[in-house]
Protein backbone atom coordinates (compact mmCIF):
# COMPACT_ATOMS: atom_id res chain seq x y z
CA UNK A 1 -1.33 5.44 3.64
CA UNK A 2 2.17 6.46 4.73
CA UNK A 3 5.47 5.04 3.55
CA UNK A 4 6.07 3.03 6.71
CA UNK A 5 2.77 1.20 6.32
CA UNK A 6 3.50 0.47 2.67
CA UNK A 7 6.97 -0.77 3.50
CA UNK A 8 5.55 -3.07 6.16
CA UNK A 9 2.95 -4.40 3.76
CA UNK A 10 5.46 -4.99 0.98
CA UNK A 11 7.82 -6.76 3.39
CA UNK A 12 4.93 -8.91 4.65
CA UNK A 13 4.03 -9.92 1.11
CA UNK A 14 7.65 -10.69 0.36
CA UNK A 15 8.26 -12.41 3.70
CA UNK A 16 6.79 -15.66 2.42
CA UNK A 17 9.60 -15.73 -0.12
CA UNK A 18 12.22 -15.73 2.59
CA UNK A 19 10.36 -18.32 4.63
CA UNK A 20 9.67 -20.58 1.67
CA UNK A 21 13.18 -20.92 0.41
CA UNK A 22 15.30 -17.81 0.55
CA UNK A 23 16.19 -15.16 -1.95
CA UNK A 24 18.01 -15.98 -5.12
CA UNK A 25 20.95 -14.07 -6.66
CA UNK A 26 18.54 -11.93 -8.68
CA UNK A 27 16.94 -10.59 -5.51
CA UNK A 28 13.72 -12.56 -5.96
CA UNK A 29 12.31 -15.56 -4.11
CA UNK A 30 14.14 -18.56 -5.52
CA UNK A 31 11.82 -21.40 -4.58
CA UNK A 32 8.21 -22.07 -3.81
CA UNK A 33 6.76 -21.74 -7.30
CA UNK A 34 3.12 -21.00 -7.83
CA UNK A 35 2.18 -21.53 -4.17
CA UNK A 36 4.69 -18.91 -3.04
CA UNK A 37 3.65 -16.43 -5.71
CA UNK A 38 0.02 -16.98 -4.76
CA UNK A 39 0.75 -16.07 -1.13
CA UNK A 40 2.69 -13.01 -2.22
CA UNK A 41 -0.11 -11.92 -4.55
CA UNK A 42 -2.55 -12.39 -1.67
CA UNK A 43 -0.47 -10.13 0.55
CA UNK A 44 -0.33 -7.39 -2.10
CA UNK A 45 -4.08 -7.73 -2.76
CA UNK A 46 -4.85 -7.14 0.92
CA UNK A 47 -2.58 -4.10 0.95
CA UNK A 48 -4.13 -2.64 -2.23
CA UNK A 49 -7.69 -3.24 -1.04
CA UNK A 50 -7.04 -1.07 1.99
CA UNK A 51 -5.89 1.76 -0.28
CA UNK A 52 -8.63 1.33 -2.88
CA UNK A 53 -11.46 1.25 -0.34
CA UNK A 54 -10.29 3.11 2.75
CA UNK A 55 -7.57 5.62 1.87
CA UNK A 56 -7.99 9.28 1.02
CA UNK A 57 -7.59 8.33 -2.62
CA UNK A 58 -10.66 6.08 -2.31
CA UNK A 59 -12.97 9.10 -1.98
CA UNK A 60 -13.06 9.46 -5.78
CA UNK A 61 -14.24 5.87 -6.25
CA UNK A 62 -16.82 6.11 -3.48
CA UNK A 63 -18.13 9.38 -4.88
CA UNK A 64 -18.53 8.00 -8.40
CA UNK A 65 -20.18 4.84 -7.07
CA UNK A 66 -22.61 6.90 -4.97
CA UNK A 67 -23.62 9.27 -7.80
CA UNK A 68 -26.15 6.98 -9.55
CA UNK A 69 -27.59 5.86 -6.21
CA UNK A 70 -28.23 9.47 -5.24
CA UNK A 71 -29.69 10.28 -8.65
CA UNK A 72 -32.13 7.38 -8.76
CA UNK A 73 -32.90 7.74 -5.06
CA UNK A 74 -33.82 11.39 -5.58
CA UNK A 75 -35.98 10.46 -8.56
CA UNK A 76 -37.76 7.78 -6.54
CA UNK A 77 -38.49 10.14 -3.66
CA UNK A 78 -39.76 12.82 -6.04
CA UNK A 79 -42.20 10.41 -7.69
CA UNK A 80 -43.46 9.07 -4.36
CA UNK A 81 -43.75 12.49 -2.70
CA UNK A 82 -45.47 14.20 -5.63
CA UNK A 83 -48.04 11.49 -6.17
CA UNK A 84 -46.77 9.39 -9.03
CA UNK A 85 -46.25 9.96 -12.73
CA UNK A 86 -49.61 11.59 -13.48
CA UNK A 87 -52.68 13.11 -11.82
CA UNK A 88 -54.09 9.66 -11.17
CA UNK A 89 -51.10 8.86 -8.97
CA UNK A 90 -49.89 6.01 -11.15
CA UNK A 91 -46.51 4.57 -10.18
CA UNK A 92 -44.11 3.18 -12.78
CA UNK A 93 -44.13 -0.57 -13.37
CA UNK A 94 -41.05 -2.78 -13.18
CA UNK A 95 -41.02 -3.01 -16.99
CA UNK A 96 -41.07 0.78 -17.32
CA UNK A 97 -38.34 1.08 -14.73
CA UNK A 98 -36.19 -1.39 -16.69
CA UNK A 99 -36.20 1.07 -19.61
CA UNK A 100 -35.25 3.94 -17.32
CA UNK A 101 -32.53 1.88 -15.66
CA UNK A 102 -31.07 0.86 -19.03
CA UNK A 103 -30.62 4.53 -19.92
CA UNK A 104 -29.05 5.35 -16.56
CA UNK A 105 -26.74 2.34 -16.60
CA UNK A 106 -25.51 2.68 -20.17
CA UNK A 107 -24.99 6.44 -20.04
CA UNK A 108 -24.19 7.46 -16.47
CA UNK A 109 -22.92 4.30 -14.78
CA UNK A 110 -21.05 2.55 -17.59
CA UNK A 111 -19.74 5.46 -19.64
CA UNK A 112 -18.96 7.89 -16.79
CA UNK A 113 -18.87 6.39 -13.30
CA UNK A 114 -17.28 3.06 -14.17
CA UNK A 115 -14.88 4.62 -16.67
CA UNK A 116 -13.52 7.36 -14.43
CA UNK A 117 -13.76 5.18 -11.34
CA UNK A 118 -11.51 2.57 -12.94
CA UNK A 119 -9.21 5.34 -14.17
CA UNK A 120 -8.81 6.68 -10.63
CA UNK A 121 -8.28 3.23 -9.10
CA UNK A 122 -6.01 1.54 -11.65
CA UNK A 123 -3.91 4.58 -12.57
CA UNK A 124 -3.32 4.98 -8.86
CA UNK A 125 -1.85 1.49 -8.55
CA UNK A 126 1.45 2.72 -10.03
CA UNK A 127 1.00 6.45 -10.54
CA UNK A 128 -0.33 6.88 -7.04
CA UNK A 129 2.74 5.21 -5.57
CA UNK A 130 4.95 7.56 -7.58
CA UNK A 131 3.04 10.61 -6.35
CA UNK A 132 3.28 9.33 -2.76
CA UNK A 133 7.00 8.67 -3.18
CA UNK A 134 6.38 5.06 -2.18
CA UNK A 135 7.10 3.03 -5.33
CA UNK A 136 10.62 2.18 -4.20
CA UNK A 137 9.28 0.21 -1.22
CA UNK A 138 7.75 -2.26 -3.67
CA UNK A 139 10.66 -2.32 -6.10
CA UNK A 140 13.20 -2.97 -3.34
CA UNK A 141 11.15 -5.81 -1.83
CA UNK A 142 12.16 -9.36 -2.86
CA UNK A 143 9.22 -9.76 -5.23
CA UNK A 144 9.12 -10.56 -8.89
CA UNK A 145 7.82 -7.57 -10.78
CA UNK A 146 5.23 -9.81 -12.45
CA UNK A 147 3.94 -10.86 -9.04
CA UNK A 148 3.77 -7.23 -7.95
CA UNK A 149 1.75 -6.20 -11.01
CA UNK A 150 -0.56 -9.23 -10.72
CA UNK A 151 -1.22 -8.49 -7.04
CA UNK A 152 -1.91 -4.83 -7.70
CA UNK A 153 -4.24 -5.63 -10.59
CA UNK A 154 -6.24 -8.19 -8.62
CA UNK A 155 -6.45 -5.84 -5.66
CA UNK A 156 -7.66 -3.01 -7.89
CA UNK A 157 -10.15 -5.30 -9.62
CA UNK A 158 -11.64 -6.60 -6.37
CA UNK A 159 -11.83 -3.09 -4.96
CA UNK A 160 -13.40 -1.57 -8.10
CA UNK A 161 -15.94 -4.38 -8.39
CA UNK A 162 -16.82 -4.05 -4.70
CA UNK A 163 -17.59 -0.35 -5.14
CA UNK A 164 -19.52 -0.54 -8.39
CA UNK A 165 -21.31 -3.82 -7.78
CA UNK A 166 -22.64 -2.29 -4.57
CA UNK A 167 -23.71 0.78 -6.56
CA UNK A 168 -25.37 -1.39 -9.21
CA UNK A 169 -27.21 -3.50 -6.65
CA UNK A 170 -28.47 -0.50 -4.70
CA UNK A 171 -29.76 1.23 -7.82
CA UNK A 172 -31.53 -1.98 -8.84
CA UNK A 173 -33.14 -2.30 -5.40
CA UNK A 174 -34.51 1.24 -5.66
CA UNK A 175 -36.75 0.03 -8.50
CA UNK A 176 -38.67 -2.17 -6.09
CA UNK A 177 -39.86 0.82 -4.04
CA UNK A 178 -42.56 1.45 -6.64
CA UNK A 179 -44.11 -1.96 -5.97
CA UNK A 180 -43.78 -2.47 -2.19
CA UNK A 181 -46.53 -5.09 -2.03
CA UNK A 182 -44.89 -7.22 -4.72
CA UNK A 183 -41.25 -6.35 -3.97
CA UNK A 184 -40.34 -9.77 -2.58
CA UNK A 185 -41.93 -11.60 -5.51
CA UNK A 186 -40.39 -9.23 -8.06
CA UNK A 187 -36.94 -9.60 -6.52
CA UNK A 188 -36.81 -13.34 -7.17
CA UNK A 189 -38.45 -13.38 -10.59
CA UNK A 190 -37.77 -12.22 -14.11
CA UNK A 191 -36.91 -9.71 -15.38
CA UNK A 192 -35.58 -8.05 -12.20
CA UNK A 193 -33.40 -10.89 -10.92
CA UNK A 194 -32.12 -11.95 -14.35
CA UNK A 195 -31.29 -8.39 -15.36
CA UNK A 196 -29.64 -7.66 -12.02
CA UNK A 197 -27.29 -10.61 -12.41
CA UNK A 198 -26.52 -9.52 -15.98
CA UNK A 199 -25.74 -5.96 -14.92
CA UNK A 200 -23.46 -7.22 -12.16
CA UNK A 201 -21.63 -9.36 -14.72
CA UNK A 202 -21.27 -6.38 -17.07
CA UNK A 203 -19.96 -4.30 -14.17
CA UNK A 204 -17.29 -6.90 -13.48
CA UNK A 205 -16.25 -7.05 -17.14
CA UNK A 206 -16.10 -3.25 -17.27
CA UNK A 207 -13.79 -3.21 -14.25
CA UNK A 208 -11.71 -5.96 -15.86
CA UNK A 209 -11.40 -4.28 -19.27
CA UNK A 210 -10.96 -0.68 -18.19
CA UNK A 211 -8.77 -1.77 -15.30
CA UNK A 212 -6.31 -3.53 -17.61
CA UNK A 213 -6.24 -0.49 -19.92
CA UNK A 214 -5.47 1.98 -17.15
CA UNK A 215 -2.97 -0.32 -15.45
CA UNK A 216 -1.06 -0.45 -18.74
CA UNK A 217 -1.13 3.35 -18.95
CA UNK A 218 0.18 3.57 -15.40
CA UNK A 219 2.98 1.08 -15.98
CA UNK A 220 4.00 2.93 -19.15
CA UNK A 221 4.73 5.97 -16.91
CA UNK A 222 3.27 8.45 -19.39
CA UNK A 223 1.13 11.46 -18.54
CA UNK A 224 -2.22 9.73 -17.87
CA UNK A 225 -4.43 12.73 -18.65
CA UNK A 226 -3.99 12.64 -22.44
CA UNK A 227 -4.64 8.90 -23.02
CA UNK A 228 -7.52 8.96 -20.52
CA UNK A 229 -9.26 11.82 -22.31
CA UNK A 230 -8.60 10.38 -25.78
CA UNK A 231 -10.02 7.02 -24.78
CA UNK A 232 -13.00 8.71 -23.12
CA UNK A 233 -13.70 10.61 -26.33
CA UNK A 234 -13.56 7.42 -28.41
CA UNK A 235 -15.81 5.58 -25.99
CA UNK A 236 -18.28 8.49 -25.93
CA UNK A 237 -18.65 8.75 -29.72
CA UNK A 238 -18.72 5.00 -30.21
CA UNK A 239 -22.33 5.07 -31.45
CA UNK A 240 -21.29 7.33 -34.33
CA UNK A 241 -18.27 5.28 -35.44
CA UNK A 242 -18.32 2.84 -38.37
CA UNK A 243 -18.98 -0.78 -37.45
CA UNK A 244 -15.32 -1.76 -37.85
CA UNK A 245 -14.07 0.98 -35.51
CA UNK A 246 -16.75 0.19 -32.92
CA UNK A 247 -15.07 -3.17 -32.35
CA UNK A 248 -11.92 -1.44 -31.08
CA UNK A 249 -13.66 -0.05 -27.99
CA UNK A 250 -14.50 -1.63 -24.66
CA UNK A 251 -17.95 -0.05 -24.46
CA UNK A 252 -19.08 -1.76 -27.69
CA UNK A 253 -18.72 -5.19 -26.12
CA UNK A 254 -20.25 -4.05 -22.84
CA UNK A 255 -23.36 -2.63 -24.52
CA UNK A 256 -23.73 -5.84 -26.53
CA UNK A 257 -24.23 -7.63 -23.21
CA UNK A 258 -26.83 -5.23 -21.82
CA UNK A 259 -30.25 -6.89 -21.43
CA UNK A 260 -32.26 -3.84 -22.54
CA UNK A 261 -31.05 -2.15 -25.75
CA UNK A 262 -31.36 1.61 -26.10
CA UNK A 263 -32.93 3.54 -28.94
CA UNK A 264 -29.90 5.48 -30.19
CA UNK A 265 -31.83 7.72 -32.56
CA UNK A 266 -31.56 8.31 -36.29
CA UNK A 267 -28.02 9.73 -36.30
CA UNK A 268 -26.37 6.71 -34.70
CA UNK A 269 -24.60 4.18 -36.89
CA UNK A 270 -26.20 0.86 -36.05
CA UNK A 271 -23.92 -2.15 -35.75
CA UNK A 272 -24.98 -5.71 -35.04
CA UNK A 273 -24.22 -6.51 -31.38
CA UNK A 274 -21.71 -9.27 -30.94
CA UNK A 275 -22.82 -12.54 -29.40
CA UNK A 276 -22.49 -12.70 -25.62
CA UNK A 277 -19.75 -15.42 -25.61
CA UNK A 278 -17.71 -13.43 -28.13
CA UNK A 279 -18.10 -10.21 -26.12
CA UNK A 280 -17.09 -11.91 -22.87
CA UNK A 281 -14.12 -13.74 -24.38
CA UNK A 282 -13.05 -10.59 -26.21
CA UNK A 283 -12.94 -8.54 -23.01
CA UNK A 284 -11.11 -11.30 -21.15
CA UNK A 285 -8.58 -11.61 -23.99
CA UNK A 286 -8.03 -7.84 -24.03
CA UNK A 287 -7.48 -7.76 -20.28
CA UNK A 288 -5.14 -10.75 -20.45
CA UNK A 289 -3.05 -9.24 -23.24
CA UNK A 290 -2.74 -5.86 -21.52
CA UNK A 291 -1.93 -7.49 -18.17
CA UNK A 292 0.77 -9.61 -19.82
CA UNK A 293 2.22 -6.48 -21.45
CA UNK A 294 2.14 -4.63 -18.12
CA UNK A 295 3.96 -7.49 -16.41
CA UNK A 296 6.65 -7.49 -19.08
CA UNK A 297 6.94 -3.70 -19.07
CA UNK A 298 7.22 -3.66 -15.28
CA UNK A 299 10.67 -5.22 -15.52
CA UNK A 300 11.91 -1.79 -16.63
CA UNK A 301 10.20 0.16 -13.86
CA UNK A 302 12.66 2.43 -12.11
CA UNK A 303 12.42 4.85 -9.24
CA UNK A 304 12.88 8.37 -10.59
CA UNK A 305 10.68 10.73 -8.64
CA UNK A 306 12.50 13.75 -10.06
CA UNK A 307 10.66 13.36 -13.40
CA UNK A 308 7.20 13.55 -11.81
């Protein structure tokens, strides 16, 4: 997306401020309150969604969302084409597929695709604008910095959840190919429907938690590679960490919500999963705290492309 398009979008989002009551001496919309800020956030969300889903930068997110679909789709075709799981041609049951899906979701989708997908999307909200030499269009627009950060975060969240909820749903639907005669009945019964809704909820919370983390990294204007790799390492070795340290990671709360637990083997350090309400509230609290910090830190954002 070029600078002219971004400038137009930023001016459109800020235009409600002029229409609603003018611009105050601090350069921000002076009246209108929550209604005005809501319209401005909505304008920024629409602008960010276009970049998250349809720009050149979006190819990373689409690729990561497509990876598990291609993997499970290839597995399904191989089983169907080569006559099932054994010489008798037996196809896997829904219960067996739930075990397979749990492994794919908790290893590939949650720990790799969602993690790096959110990194690409939410780091790009600020870092991408710096790389495109477009951040100044936002900073010069008559918008409160807090409104700008809120709009970018919501836009990134909606875009990330759109990509990975679609990926999750498609991978869940592939399970039904092994029971074509009972697919309709299985789709609207337990455990398929219940687990699908749970996985979609976990996907949303992953986008919320990781999104807030990477937005904060982007707003801090530090080199994103080092914190991204450090956090990835901590999330990857979470099963080997002591119980107290497990609670400092996002993935610990996400795995506590998964409907099918995995057998982690004898070398893993087992910790009691937290209750679902605690896990959900913990992730929401983390995202809220990091978003609040990002909003406060955004007041010191400056345009200095020479440092990049």
